[in-house]
PDB file of N, CA and C in Angstrom:
ATOM      1  N   MET A   1     225.549 220.599 155.245  1.00  0.00           N
ATOM      2  CA  MET A   1     225.070 218.984 155.292  1.00  0.00           C
ATOM      3  C   MET A   1     226.309 218.248 155.954  1.00  0.00           C
ATOM      4  N   SER A   2     225.834 217.178 156.475  1.00  0.00           N
ATOM      5  CA  SER A   2     226.792 216.520 157.266  1.00  0.00           C
ATOM      6  C   SER A   2     227.192 214.994 156.224  1.00  0.00           C
ATOM      7  N   THR A   3     228.139 214.373 156.512  1.00  0.00           N
ATOM      8  CA  THR A   3     229.236 213.532 155.905  1.00  0.00           C
ATOM      9  C   THR A   3     228.076 212.597 155.043  1.00  0.00           C
ATOM     10  N   LEU A   4     227.244 212.313 156.122  1.00  0.00           N
ATOM     11  CA  LEU A   4     226.106 211.237 155.648  1.00  0.00           C
ATOM     12  C   LEU A   4     225.373 211.744 154.457  1.00  0.00           C
ATOM     13  N   ASP A   5     224.944 212.974 154.360  1.00  0.00           N
ATOM     14  CA  ASP A   5     224.027 213.684 153.303  1.00  0.00           C
ATOM     15  C   ASP A   5     225.010 213.401 151.970  1.00  0.00           C
ATOM     16  N   TYR A   6     226.135 213.772 152.269  1.00  0.00           N
ATOM     17  CA  TYR A   6     227.082 213.984 151.082  1.00  0.00           C
ATOM     18  C   TYR A   6     227.368 212.319 150.178  1.00  0.00           C
ATOM     19  N   ARG A   7     227.382 211.397 151.099  1.00  0.00           N
ATOM     20  CA  ARG A   7     227.332 210.156 150.576  1.00  0.00           C
ATOM     21  C   ARG A   7     226.092 209.562 150.242  1.00  0.00           C
ATOM     22  N   LYS A   8     224.957 210.151 150.486  1.00  0.00           N
ATOM     23  CA  LYS A   8     223.601 209.941 149.971  1.00  0.00           C
ATOM     24  C   LYS A   8     223.478 210.299 148.520  1.00  0.00           C
ATOM     25  N   VAL A   9     223.825 212.006 148.445  1.00  0.00           N
ATOM     26  CA  VAL A   9     223.982 212.267 146.948  1.00  0.00           C
ATOM     27  C   VAL A   9     225.182 212.000 146.348  1.00  0.00           C
ATOM     28  N   SER A  10     225.901 211.647 146.525  1.00  0.00           N
ATOM     29  CA  SER A  10     227.079 210.901 146.000  1.00  0.00           C
ATOM     30  C   SER A  10     226.323 209.467 145.222  1.00  0.00           C
ATOM     31  N   ARG A  11     226.133 208.742 146.020  1.00  0.00           N
ATOM     32  CA  ARG A  11     225.352 207.716 145.604  1.00  0.00           C
ATOM     33  C   ARG A  11     224.307 207.624 144.582  1.00  0.00           C
ATOM     34  N   ALA A  12     223.427 208.677 144.745  1.00  0.00           N
ATOM     35  CA  ALA A  12     222.369 208.729 143.887  1.00  0.00           C
ATOM     36  C   ALA A  12     223.074 209.328 142.556  1.00  0.00           C
ATOM     37  N   SER A  13     224.025 210.208 142.559  1.00  0.00           N
ATOM     38  CA  SER A  13     224.700 210.830 141.317  1.00  0.00           C
ATOM     39  C   SER A  13     225.213 209.854 140.512  1.00  0.00           C
ATOM     40  N   ARG A  14     225.632 209.056 141.184  1.00  0.00           N
ATOM     41  CA  ARG A  14     226.487 207.592 140.593  1.00  0.00           C
ATOM     42  C   ARG A  14     225.235 207.025 140.008  1.00  0.00           C
ATOM     43  N   TRP A  15     224.148 206.457 140.514  1.00  0.00           N
ATOM     44  CA  TRP A  15     223.233 205.766 139.719  1.00  0.00           C
ATOM     45  C   TRP A  15     222.896 206.337 138.500  1.00  0.00           C
ATOM     46  N   LEU A  16     222.729 208.028 138.634  1.00  0.00           N
ATOM     47  CA  LEU A  16     222.247 208.777 137.547  1.00  0.00           C
ATOM     48  C   LEU A  16     223.416 208.680 136.230  1.00  0.00           C
ATOM     49  N   ASP A  17     224.552 208.487 136.692  1.00  0.00           N
ATOM     50  CA  ASP A  17     225.661 208.654 135.920  1.00  0.00           C
ATOM     51  C   ASP A  17     225.967 207.647 134.808  1.00  0.00           C
ATOM     52  N   VAL A  18     225.789 207.731 133.381  1.00  0.00           N
ATOM     53  CA  VAL A  18     225.652 206.611 132.427  1.00  0.00           C
ATOM     54  C   VAL A  18     227.059 206.459 131.830  1.00  0.00           C
ATOM     55  N   ARG A  19     227.823 207.162 132.307  1.00  0.00           N
ATOM     56  CA  ARG A  19     229.520 207.124 131.468  1.00  0.00           C
ATOM     57  C   ARG A  19     229.899 205.572 131.539  1.00  0.00           C
ATOM     58  N   ARG A  20     229.731 204.924 132.674  1.00  0.00           N
ATOM     59  CA  ARG A  20     230.527 203.766 132.828  1.00  0.00           C
ATOM     60  C   ARG A  20     229.811 202.516 133.116  1.00  0.00           C
ATOM     61  N   ARG A  21     228.116 202.686 132.320  1.00  0.00           N
ATOM     62  CA  ARG A  21     227.583 201.586 132.406  1.00  0.00           C
ATOM     63  C   ARG A  21     227.942 200.627 131.221  1.00  0.00           C
ATOM     64  N   LYS A  22     227.956 199.525 131.879  1.00  0.00           N
ATOM     65  CA  LYS A  22     228.008 198.159 130.815  1.00  0.00           C
ATOM     66  C   LYS A  22     226.784 197.709 130.298  1.00  0.00           C
ATOM     67  N   LEU A  23     226.826 196.993 129.311  1.00  0.00           N
ATOM     68  CA  LEU A  23     225.628 196.254 128.709  1.00  0.00           C
ATOM     69  C   LEU A  23     224.690 195.624 129.383  1.00  0.00           C
ATOM     70  N   GLY A  24     225.168 194.991 130.233  1.00  0.00           N
ATOM     71  CA  GLY A  24     224.200 194.285 131.450  1.00  0.00           C
ATOM     72  C   GLY A  24     223.385 195.353 132.042  1.00  0.00           C
ATOM     73  N   MET A  25     223.961 196.396 132.700  1.00  0.00           N
ATOM     74  CA  MET A  25     223.460 197.581 133.284  1.00  0.00           C
ATOM     75  C   MET A  25     222.142 197.952 132.216  1.00  0.00           C
ATOM     76  N   TRP A  26     222.528 198.299 131.294  1.00  0.00           N
ATOM     77  CA  TRP A  26     221.375 198.665 130.373  1.00  0.00           C
ATOM     78  C   TRP A  26     220.349 197.894 130.062  1.00  0.00           C
ATOM     79  N   ALA A  27     220.872 196.506 130.038  1.00  0.00           N
ATOM     80  CA  ALA A  27     219.472 195.493 129.856  1.00  0.00           C
ATOM     81  C   ALA A  27     218.839 195.397 131.050  1.00  0.00           C
ATOM     82  N   TYR A  28     219.178 195.334 132.464  1.00  0.00           N
ATOM     83  CA  TYR A  28     218.637 195.244 133.720  1.00  0.00           C
ATOM     84  C   TYR A  28     217.826 196.702 133.649  1.00  0.00           C
ATOM     85  N   ALA A  29     218.237 197.810 133.069  1.00  0.00           N
ATOM     86  CA  ALA A  29     217.377 199.046 133.634  1.00  0.00           C
ATOM     87  C   ALA A  29     216.043 199.002 132.262  1.00  0.00           C
ATOM     88  N   LEU A  30     216.823 198.419 130.906  1.00  0.00           N
ATOM     89  CA  LEU A  30     215.657 198.554 130.334  1.00  0.00           C
ATOM     90  C   LEU A  30     214.255 197.390 130.509  1.00  0.00           C
ATOM     91  N   ASN A  31     214.795 196.358 131.334  1.00  0.00           N
ATOM     92  CA  ASN A  31     213.677 195.505 131.450  1.00  0.00           C
ATOM     93  C   ASN A  31     213.023 196.060 132.738  1.00  0.00           C
ATOM     94  N   ARG A  32     213.321 196.602 133.490  1.00  0.00           N
ATOM     95  CA  ARG A  32     212.853 197.418 134.844  1.00  0.00           C
ATOM     96  C   ARG A  32     211.792 198.879 134.097  1.00  0.00           C
ATOM     97  N   ILE A  33     212.211 199.364 133.129  1.00  0.00           N
ATOM     98  CA  ILE A  33     211.491 200.466 132.890  1.00  0.00           C
ATOM     99  C   ILE A  33     210.626 200.005 132.025  1.00  0.00           C
ATOM    100  N   THR A  34     210.777 199.288 131.187  1.00  0.00           N
ATOM    101  CA  THR A  34     209.405 198.508 130.358  1.00  0.00           C
ATOM    102  C   THR A  34     208.648 197.769 130.986  1.00  0.00           C
ATOM    103  N   GLY A  35     209.208 197.058 132.091  1.00  0.00           N
ATOM    104  CA  GLY A  35     208.012 196.551 132.936  1.00  0.00           C
ATOM    105  C   GLY A  35     207.219 197.659 133.691  1.00  0.00           C
ATOM    106  N   ILE A  36     207.758 198.610 134.273  1.00  0.00           N
ATOM    107  CA  ILE A  36     206.677 199.731 134.889  1.00  0.00           C
ATOM    108  C   ILE A  36     206.190 200.372 133.900  1.00  0.00           C
ATOM    109  N   GLY A  37     206.530 200.656 132.442  1.00  0.00           N
ATOM    110  CA  GLY A  37     205.661 201.058 131.499  1.00  0.00           C
ATOM    111  C   GLY A  37     204.518 200.016 131.093  1.00  0.00           C
ATOM    112  N   LEU A  38     204.681 199.059 131.167  1.00  0.00           N
ATOM    113  CA  LEU A  38     203.597 198.038 130.791  1.00  0.00           C
ATOM    114  C   LEU A  38     202.779 197.946 131.725  1.00  0.00           C
ATOM    115  N   VAL A  39     203.134 198.098 132.956  1.00  0.00           N
ATOM    116  CA  VAL A  39     202.057 197.860 134.027  1.00  0.00           C
ATOM    117  C   VAL A  39     201.183 199.154 134.238  1.00  0.00           C
ATOM    118  N   VAL A  40     201.662 200.528 134.018  1.00  0.00           N
ATOM    119  CA  VAL A  40     201.130 201.669 133.558  1.00  0.00           C
ATOM    120  C   VAL A  40     200.295 201.614 132.513  1.00  0.00           C
ATOM    121  N   TYR A  41     200.474 201.097 131.623  1.00  0.00           N
ATOM    122  CA  TYR A  41     199.577 200.536 130.511  1.00  0.00           C
ATOM    123  C   TYR A  41     198.548 199.724 130.377  1.00  0.00           C
ATOM    124  N   LEU A  42     198.653 198.849 131.660  1.00  0.00           N
ATOM    125  CA  LEU A  42     197.663 197.785 131.866  1.00  0.00           C
ATOM    126  C   LEU A  42     196.774 198.614 132.683  1.00  0.00           C
ATOM    127  N   TYR A  43     196.768 199.452 133.243  1.00  0.00           N
ATOM    128  CA  TYR A  43     195.903 200.302 134.082  1.00  0.00           C
ATOM    129  C   TYR A  43     195.305 201.434 133.188  1.00  0.00           C
ATOM    130  N   LEU A  44     195.838 201.867 132.577  1.00  0.00           N
ATOM    131  CA  LEU A  44     195.222 202.813 131.213  1.00  0.00           C
ATOM    132  C   LEU A  44     194.365 202.048 130.474  1.00  0.00           C
ATOM    133  N   HIS A  45     194.622 200.901 129.986  1.00  0.00           N
ATOM    134  CA  HIS A  45     193.823 199.611 129.305  1.00  0.00           C
ATOM    135  C   HIS A  45     192.688 199.744 130.135  1.00  0.00           C
ATOM    136  N   LEU A  46     192.570 199.308 131.526  1.00  0.00           N
ATOM    137  CA  LEU A  46     191.406 199.266 131.809  1.00  0.00           C
ATOM    138  C   LEU A  46     190.547 200.197 131.988  1.00  0.00           C
ATOM    139  N   VAL A  47     191.193 201.223 132.207  1.00  0.00           N
ATOM    140  CA  VAL A  47     190.366 202.668 132.318  1.00  0.00           C
ATOM    141  C   VAL A  47     189.541 203.060 130.910  1.00  0.00           C
ATOM    142  N   VAL A  48     190.255 202.503 129.993  1.00  0.00           N
ATOM    143  CA  VAL A  48     189.702 202.596 128.479  1.00  0.00           C
ATOM    144  C   VAL A  48     188.724 201.843 128.238  1.00  0.00           C
ATOM    145  N   LEU A  49     188.932 200.361 128.749  1.00  0.00           N
ATOM    146  CA  LEU A  49     187.939 199.438 128.611  1.00  0.00           C
ATOM    147  C   LEU A  49     186.684 200.125 129.265  1.00  0.00           C
ATOM    148  N   SER A  50     186.446 200.566 130.269  1.00  0.00           N
ATOM    149  CA  SER A  50     185.367 201.094 131.097  1.00  0.00           C
ATOM    150  C   SER A  50     184.728 202.146 130.372  1.00  0.00           C
ATOM    151  N   LEU A  51     185.333 202.728 129.124  1.00  0.00           N
ATOM    152  CA  LEU A  51     184.132 203.470 128.110  1.00  0.00           C
ATOM    153  C   LEU A  51     183.097 202.570 127.579  1.00  0.00           C
ATOM    154  N   LEU A  52     183.218 201.436 127.741  1.00  0.00           N
ATOM    155  CA  LEU A  52     182.042 200.556 127.310  1.00  0.00           C
ATOM    156  C   LEU A  52     181.200 200.654 128.071  1.00  0.00           C
ATOM    157  N   LEU A  53     181.213 200.828 129.220  1.00  0.00           N
ATOM    158  CA  LEU A  53     180.071 201.105 129.973  1.00  0.00           C
ATOM    159  C   LEU A  53     179.246 202.101 129.695  1.00  0.00           C
ATOM    160  N   ARG A  54     179.863 203.103 129.369  1.00  0.00           N
ATOM    161  CA  ARG A  54     179.453 204.559 128.790  1.00  0.00           C
ATOM    162  C   ARG A  54     178.180 204.613 127.632  1.00  0.00           C
ATOM    163  N   GLY A  55     178.595 203.481 127.078  1.00  0.00           N
ATOM    164  CA  GLY A  55     177.536 203.437 125.803  1.00  0.00           C
ATOM    165  C   GLY A  55     178.076 203.594 124.502  1.00  0.00           C
ATOM    166  N   GLN A  56     177.690 203.407 123.287  1.00  0.00           N
ATOM    167  CA  GLN A  56     178.035 203.144 122.373  1.00  0.00           C
ATOM    168  C   GLN A  56     178.706 204.399 121.760  1.00  0.00           C
ATOM    169  N   ALA A  57     178.238 205.820 122.032  1.00  0.00           N
ATOM    170  CA  ALA A  57     178.704 206.974 121.560  1.00  0.00           C
ATOM    171  C   ALA A  57     180.236 207.133 122.055  1.00  0.00           C
ATOM    172  N   ALA A  58     180.284 206.899 123.572  1.00  0.00           N
ATOM    173  CA  ALA A  58     181.735 207.047 124.132  1.00  0.00           C
ATOM    174  C   ALA A  58     182.736 206.053 123.543  1.00  0.00           C
ATOM    175  N   TRP A  59     182.151 205.052 123.053  1.00  0.00           N
ATOM    176  CA  TRP A  59     183.460 203.839 122.555  1.00  0.00           C
ATOM    177  C   TRP A  59     183.906 204.472 121.155  1.00  0.00           C
ATOM    178  N   ASP A  60     182.744 204.873 120.537  1.00  0.00           N
ATOM    179  CA  ASP A  60     182.984 205.705 119.067  1.00  0.00           C
ATOM    180  C   ASP A  60     183.679 206.749 119.199  1.00  0.00           C
ATOM    181  N   PHE A  61     183.533 207.729 120.156  1.00  0.00           N
ATOM    182  CA  PHE A  61     184.660 208.450 119.881  1.00  0.00           C
ATOM    183  C   PHE A  61     186.217 208.363 120.268  1.00  0.00           C
ATOM    184  N   PHE A  62     186.054 207.395 121.123  1.00  0.00           N
ATOM    185  CA  PHE A  62     187.509 206.927 121.652  1.00  0.00           C
ATOM    186  C   PHE A  62     188.136 205.865 120.082  1.00  0.00           C
ATOM    187  N   VAL A  63     187.236 205.070 119.417  1.00  0.00           N
ATOM    188  CA  VAL A  63     188.092 204.435 118.310  1.00  0.00           C
ATOM    189  C   VAL A  63     188.401 205.654 117.716  1.00  0.00           C
ATOM    190  N   THR A  64     187.536 206.855 117.276  1.00  0.00           N
ATOM    191  CA  THR A  64     188.145 207.886 116.500  1.00  0.00           C
ATOM    192  C   THR A  64     189.299 208.463 116.822  1.00  0.00           C
ATOM    193  N   VAL A  65     189.593 208.920 118.133  1.00  0.00           N
ATOM    194  CA  VAL A  65     190.862 209.198 118.870  1.00  0.00           C
ATOM    195  C   VAL A  65     191.744 208.119 118.348  1.00  0.00           C
ATOM    196  N   ALA A  66     191.773 206.722 118.639  1.00  0.00           N
ATOM    197  CA  ALA A  66     192.859 205.861 118.716  1.00  0.00           C
ATOM    198  C   ALA A  66     193.311 205.740 117.317  1.00  0.00           C
ATOM    199  N   ARG A  67     192.542 206.091 116.235  1.00  0.00           N
ATOM    200  CA  ARG A  67     193.141 206.247 115.057  1.00  0.00           C
ATOM    201  C   ARG A  67     193.975 207.357 114.537  1.00  0.00           C
ATOM    202  N   SER A  68     194.046 208.228 115.523  1.00  0.00           N
ATOM    203  CA  SER A  68     195.000 209.393 114.916  1.00  0.00           C
ATOM    204  C   SER A  68     196.240 209.039 114.915  1.00  0.00           C
ATOM    205  N   PRO A  69     197.150 209.781 114.537  1.00  0.00           N
ATOM    206  CA  PRO A  69     198.618 209.596 114.410  1.00  0.00           C
ATOM    207  C   PRO A  69     199.403 209.470 115.624  1.00  0.00           C
ATOM    208  N   TYR A  70     198.920 210.335 116.593  1.00  0.00           N
ATOM    209  CA  TYR A  70     199.941 210.597 117.802  1.00  0.00           C
ATOM    210  C   TYR A  70     199.272 209.313 118.890  1.00  0.00           C
ATOM    211  N   VAL A  71     197.955 208.602 118.840  1.00  0.00           N
ATOM    212  CA  VAL A  71     197.853 207.742 119.502  1.00  0.00           C
ATOM    213  C   VAL A  71     198.597 206.205 118.515  1.00  0.00           C
ATOM    214  N   LEU A  72     198.630 206.143 117.486  1.00  0.00           N
ATOM    215  CA  LEU A  72     199.130 205.134 116.699  1.00  0.00           C
ATOM    216  C   LEU A  72     200.547 205.472 117.304  1.00  0.00           C
ATOM    217  N   ALA A  73     201.107 206.260 117.377  1.00  0.00           N
ATOM    218  CA  ALA A  73     202.795 206.499 117.825  1.00  0.00           C
ATOM    219  C   ALA A  73     202.556 206.070 118.750  1.00  0.00           C
ATOM    220  N   LEU A  74     202.082 206.151 119.868  1.00  0.00           N
ATOM    221  CA  LEU A  74     201.974 205.494 121.320  1.00  0.00           C
ATOM    222  C   LEU A  74     201.757 204.204 121.095  1.00  0.00           C
ATOM    223  N   ASP A  75     200.981 203.487 120.437  1.00  0.00           N
ATOM    224  CA  ASP A  75     200.832 202.035 120.211  1.00  0.00           C
ATOM    225  C   ASP A  75     202.413 201.347 119.475  1.00  0.00           C
ATOM    226  N   VAL A  76     202.842 202.300 118.822  1.00  0.00           N
ATOM    227  CA  VAL A  76     204.304 201.773 118.475  1.00  0.00           C
ATOM    228  C   VAL A  76     205.300 201.860 119.767  1.00  0.00           C
ATOM    229  N   ILE A  77     205.126 202.616 120.744  1.00  0.00           N
ATOM    230  CA  ILE A  77     206.001 202.443 122.016  1.00  0.00           C
ATOM    231  C   ILE A  77     205.312 201.627 122.665  1.00  0.00           C
ATOM    232  N   LEU A  78     204.497 201.203 122.840  1.00  0.00           N
ATOM    233  CA  LEU A  78     203.875 200.179 123.685  1.00  0.00           C
ATOM    234  C   LEU A  78     204.188 198.573 122.969  1.00  0.00           C
ATOM    235  N   LEU A  79     204.337 198.662 121.909  1.00  0.00           N
ATOM    236  CA  LEU A  79     205.054 197.578 121.182  1.00  0.00           C
ATOM    237  C   LEU A  79     206.773 197.128 121.226  1.00  0.00           C
ATOM    238  N   ALA A  80     207.153 198.339 121.242  1.00  0.00           N
ATOM    239  CA  ALA A  80     208.401 198.619 121.832  1.00  0.00           C
ATOM    240  C   ALA A  80     208.754 197.641 123.097  1.00  0.00           C
ATOM    241  N   GLY A  81     207.757 198.448 124.169  1.00  0.00           N
ATOM    242  CA  GLY A  81     207.997 197.804 125.200  1.00  0.00           C
ATOM    243  C   GLY A  81     207.775 196.320 125.484  1.00  0.00           C
ATOM    244  N   ILE A  82     206.661 195.823 124.852  1.00  0.00           N
ATOM    245  CA  ILE A  82     206.475 194.724 124.838  1.00  0.00           C
ATOM    246  C   ILE A  82     207.494 193.681 124.122  1.00  0.00           C
ATOM    247  N   LEU A  83     207.943 194.141 123.176  1.00  0.00           N
ATOM    248  CA  LEU A  83     209.095 193.144 122.565  1.00  0.00           C
ATOM    249  C   LEU A  83     210.340 193.223 123.373  1.00  0.00           C
ATOM    250  N   ILE A  84     210.987 194.582 123.806  1.00  0.00           N
ATOM    251  CA  ILE A  84     212.005 194.520 124.675  1.00  0.00           C
ATOM    252  C   ILE A  84     211.984 193.790 126.085  1.00  0.00           C
ATOM    253  N   HIS A  85     211.003 194.199 126.744  1.00  0.00           N
ATOM    254  CA  HIS A  85     210.754 193.398 128.090  1.00  0.00           C
ATOM    255  C   HIS A  85     210.332 191.558 127.611  1.00  0.00           C
ATOM    256  N   GLY A  86     209.423 191.539 126.932  1.00  0.00           N
ATOM    257  CA  GLY A  86     209.504 190.138 126.452  1.00  0.00           C
ATOM    258  C   GLY A  86     210.643 189.049 126.032  1.00  0.00           C
ATOM    259  N   LEU A  87     211.181 189.729 125.199  1.00  0.00           N
ATOM    260  CA  LEU A  87     212.385 189.278 124.578  1.00  0.00           C
ATOM    261  C   LEU A  87     213.722 189.023 125.449  1.00  0.00           C
ATOM    262  N   ASN A  88     213.555 190.198 126.512  1.00  0.00           N
ATOM    263  CA  ASN A  88     214.872 190.327 127.050  1.00  0.00           C
ATOM    264  C   ASN A  88     214.166 189.400 128.376  1.00  0.00           C
ATOM    265  N   GLY A  89     213.034 189.254 128.784  1.00  0.00           N
ATOM    266  CA  GLY A  89     212.681 188.218 129.650  1.00  0.00           C
ATOM    267  C   GLY A  89     213.177 186.896 129.526  1.00  0.00           C
ATOM    268  N   LEU A  90     212.997 186.600 128.139  1.00  0.00           N
ATOM    269  CA  LEU A  90     213.034 185.297 127.739  1.00  0.00           C
ATOM    270  C   LEU A  90     214.650 185.067 127.861  1.00  0.00           C
ATOM    271  N   ARG A  91     215.385 185.909 127.546  1.00  0.00           N
ATOM    272  CA  ARG A  91     216.923 186.168 127.592  1.00  0.00           C
ATOM    273  C   ARG A  91     217.324 185.698 129.165  1.00  0.00           C
ATOM    274  N   ILE A  92     216.649 186.281 129.877  1.00  0.00           N
ATOM    275  CA  ILE A  92     217.003 186.003 131.385  1.00  0.00           C
ATOM    276  C   ILE A  92     216.716 185.059 131.772  1.00  0.00           C
ATOM    277  N   ALA A  93     215.461 184.279 131.076  1.00  0.00           N
ATOM    278  CA  ALA A  93     215.091 182.957 131.918  1.00  0.00           C
ATOM    279  C   ALA A  93     216.040 181.813 131.163  1.00  0.00           C
ATOM    280  N   MET A  94     216.401 182.179 129.863  1.00  0.00           N
ATOM    281  CA  MET A  94     217.326 181.207 129.124  1.00  0.00           C
ATOM    282  C   MET A  94     218.657 181.135 130.325  1.00  0.00           C
ATOM    283  N   THR A  95     219.318 182.315 130.599  1.00  0.00           N
ATOM    284  CA  THR A  95     220.275 182.171 131.553  1.00  0.00           C
ATOM    285  C   THR A  95     220.026 181.790 132.645  1.00  0.00           C
ATOM    286  N   GLY A  96     219.204 181.865 133.368  1.00  0.00           N
ATOM    287  CA  GLY A  96     218.569 181.262 134.488  1.00  0.00           C
ATOM    288  C   GLY A  96     218.619 179.912 135.014  1.00  0.00           C
ATOM    289  N   PHE A  97     218.296 179.472 133.370  1.00  0.00           N
ATOM    290  CA  PHE A  97     218.410 177.978 133.294  1.00  0.00           C
ATOM    291  C   PHE A  97     219.963 177.255 132.869  1.00  0.00           C
ATOM    292  N   GLY A  98     220.720 178.285 132.811  1.00  0.00           N
ATOM    293  CA  GLY A  98     222.092 177.777 132.304  1.00  0.00           C
ATOM    294  C   GLY A  98     222.311 177.817 131.139  1.00  0.00           C
ATOM    295  N   ILE A  99     221.355 178.405 130.254  1.00  0.00           N
ATOM    296  CA  ILE A  99     221.426 178.372 128.629  1.00  0.00           C
ATOM    297  C   ILE A  99     222.179 179.552 128.209  1.00  0.00           C
ATOM    298  N   GLY A 100     223.280 179.490 127.777  1.00  0.00           N
ATOM    299  CA  GLY A 100     223.674 180.777 127.216  1.00  0.00           C
ATOM    300  C   GLY A 100     224.419 181.665 128.286  1.00  0.00           C
ATOM    301  N   VAL A 101     224.737 181.023 128.997  1.00  0.00           N
ATOM    302  CA  VAL A 101     225.592 181.987 130.246  1.00  0.00           C
ATOM    303  C   VAL A 101     226.673 182.648 129.522  1.00  0.00           C
ATOM    304  N   GLY A 102     227.395 182.436 129.049  1.00  0.00           N
ATOM    305  CA  GLY A 102     228.652 182.776 128.764  1.00  0.00           C
ATOM    306  C   GLY A 102     228.512 183.923 127.270  1.00  0.00           C
ATOM    307  N   ALA A 103     227.326 183.738 126.813  1.00  0.00           N
ATOM    308  CA  ALA A 103     226.737 184.843 125.789  1.00  0.00           C
ATOM    309  C   ALA A 103     225.808 185.808 125.587  1.00  0.00           C
ATOM    310  N   GLN A 104     225.812 186.200 126.997  1.00  0.00           N
ATOM    311  CA  GLN A 104     224.560 187.099 127.472  1.00  0.00           C
ATOM    312  C   GLN A 104     224.537 188.323 127.064  1.00  0.00           C
ATOM    313  N   LYS A 105     225.880 188.940 126.459  1.00  0.00           N
ATOM    314  CA  LYS A 105     226.078 190.200 125.470  1.00  0.00           C
ATOM    315  C   LYS A 105     225.558 189.724 124.231  1.00  0.00           C
ATOM    316  N   ALA A 106     225.916 188.972 123.584  1.00  0.00           N
ATOM    317  CA  ALA A 106     225.404 188.544 122.451  1.00  0.00           C
ATOM    318  C   ALA A 106     224.019 188.218 122.492  1.00  0.00           C
ATOM    319  N   LEU A 107     223.637 187.665 123.156  1.00  0.00           N
ATOM    320  CA  LEU A 107     221.965 187.127 123.396  1.00  0.00           C
ATOM    321  C   LEU A 107     221.158 188.594 123.100  1.00  0.00           C
ATOM    322  N   PHE A 108     221.470 189.531 124.274  1.00  0.00           N
ATOM    323  CA  PHE A 108     220.835 190.863 124.381  1.00  0.00           C
ATOM    324  C   PHE A 108     221.351 191.806 123.085  1.00  0.00           C
ATOM    325  N   VAL A 109     222.412 191.545 122.647  1.00  0.00           N
ATOM    326  CA  VAL A 109     222.305 192.264 121.238  1.00  0.00           C
ATOM    327  C   VAL A 109     221.431 191.496 119.894  1.00  0.00           C
ATOM    328  N   ALA A 110     221.141 190.316 120.127  1.00  0.00           N
ATOM    329  CA  ALA A 110     220.344 189.823 119.298  1.00  0.00           C
ATOM    330  C   ALA A 110     218.893 190.149 120.047  1.00  0.00           C
ATOM    331  N   VAL A 111     218.804 190.163 120.991  1.00  0.00           N
ATOM    332  CA  VAL A 111     217.462 190.640 121.228  1.00  0.00           C
ATOM    333  C   VAL A 111     216.843 191.945 120.765  1.00  0.00           C
ATOM    334  N   MET A 112     218.073 192.649 120.957  1.00  0.00           N
ATOM    335  CA  MET A 112     217.647 194.370 120.922  1.00  0.00           C
ATOM    336  C   MET A 112     217.752 194.357 119.175  1.00  0.00           C
ATOM    337  N   VAL A 113     218.223 193.441 118.298  1.00  0.00           N
ATOM    338  CA  VAL A 113     218.283 193.668 116.810  1.00  0.00           C
ATOM    339  C   VAL A 113     216.840 192.759 116.389  1.00  0.00           C
ATOM    340  N   VAL A 114     216.103 191.997 117.047  1.00  0.00           N
ATOM    341  CA  VAL A 114     215.049 191.270 116.707  1.00  0.00           C
ATOM    342  C   VAL A 114     213.669 192.234 116.808  1.00  0.00           C
ATOM    343  N   SER A 115     214.187 192.799 117.966  1.00  0.00           N
ATOM    344  CA  SER A 115     213.127 193.978 118.742  1.00  0.00           C
ATOM    345  C   SER A 115     213.209 195.016 117.331  1.00  0.00           C
ATOM    346  N   ALA A 116     214.240 195.661 117.225  1.00  0.00           N
ATOM    347  CA  ALA A 116     214.164 196.592 116.317  1.00  0.00           C
ATOM    348  C   ALA A 116     213.537 196.433 114.765  1.00  0.00           C
ATOM    349  N   VAL A 117     214.057 195.406 114.172  1.00  0.00           N
ATOM    350  CA  VAL A 117     213.462 194.597 113.035  1.00  0.00           C
ATOM    351  C   VAL A 117     211.887 194.546 113.257  1.00  0.00           C
ATOM    352  N   THR A 118     211.808 193.752 114.310  1.00  0.00           N
ATOM    353  CA  THR A 118     210.054 193.472 114.740  1.00  0.00           C
ATOM    354  C   THR A 118     209.051 194.855 114.487  1.00  0.00           C
ATOM    355  N   LEU A 119     209.931 195.874 115.218  1.00  0.00           N
ATOM    356  CA  LEU A 119     209.471 196.997 115.465  1.00  0.00           C
ATOM    357  C   LEU A 119     209.299 197.892 114.621  1.00  0.00           C
ATOM    358  N   TRP A 120     210.230 197.817 113.448  1.00  0.00           N
ATOM    359  CA  TRP A 120     210.183 198.432 112.266  1.00  0.00           C
ATOM    360  C   TRP A 120     209.283 198.053 111.350  1.00  0.00           C
ATOM    361  N   VAL A 121     209.006 196.810 110.829  1.00  0.00           N
ATOM    362  CA  VAL A 121     208.030 196.262 110.197  1.00  0.00           C
ATOM    363  C   VAL A 121     206.602 196.469 110.930  1.00  0.00           C
ATOM    364  N   ALA A 122     206.484 196.400 112.169  1.00  0.00           N
ATOM    365  CA  ALA A 122     205.401 196.723 112.799  1.00  0.00           C
ATOM    366  C   ALA A 122     204.549 198.025 112.453  1.00  0.00           C
ATOM    367  N   THR A 123     205.788 199.122 112.671  1.00  0.00           N
ATOM    368  CA  THR A 123     205.638 200.558 112.598  1.00  0.00           C
ATOM    369  C   THR A 123     204.607 200.983 111.228  1.00  0.00           C
ATOM    370  N   ILE A 124     205.772 200.504 109.993  1.00  0.00           N
ATOM    371  CA  ILE A 124     205.098 200.270 108.574  1.00  0.00           C
ATOM    372  C   ILE A 124     203.690 200.003 108.318  1.00  0.00           C
ATOM    373  N   LYS A 125     203.714 198.852 108.976  1.00  0.00           N
ATOM    374  CA  LYS A 125     202.257 198.462 108.826  1.00  0.00           C
ATOM    375  C   LYS A 125     200.881 199.084 109.876  1.00  0.00           C
ATOM    376  N   ILE A 126     201.304 199.545 110.818  1.00  0.00           N
ATOM    377  CA  ILE A 126     200.437 200.227 111.984  1.00  0.00           C
ATOM    378  C   ILE A 126     200.339 201.652 111.035  1.00  0.00           C
ATOM    379  N   PHE A 127     201.350 202.429 110.441  1.00  0.00           N
ATOM    380  CA  PHE A 127     200.956 203.644 109.876  1.00  0.00           C
ATOM    381  C   PHE A 127     200.225 203.342 108.476  1.00  0.00           C
ATOM    382  N   ARG A 128     200.221 202.387 107.808  1.00  0.00           N
ATOM    383  CA  ARG A 128     199.710 202.198 106.691  1.00  0.00           C
ATOM    384  C   ARG A 128     198.065 202.030 106.687  1.00  0.00           C
ATOM    385  N   ILE A 129     197.321 202.239 108.050  1.00  0.00           N
ATOM    386  CA  ILE A 129     196.087 201.840 108.129  1.00  0.00           C
ATOM    387  C   ILE A 129     195.435 203.327 107.581  1.00  0.00           C
TER     388      ILE A 129
END
């Protein structure tokens, strides 16, 4: 390998090394990961809605599958992504307008606490069905 190849490997391994990451980097990564997850969900949602074109029997089968505990667990993961991405996006917008710039860490922690509490309550309600 040439020196250039070692630099590329070194850079990639540093990106994957989570030991020295600060809270801002975790916020950045979470926002990007949840954004990608929500885009993937959007396409899956459109595919599922296309089942309506196949008639009542296909839709009834999907509704039966959607009420299974595994799919409900996926709904909880979806809700986690929505909460984290949405609330973190509000935090980013606030700091972009100059509100709370000095308290970004505290705002991120507050976002995560609100997300966790909301997710906990929603999980209880989702699985009581």
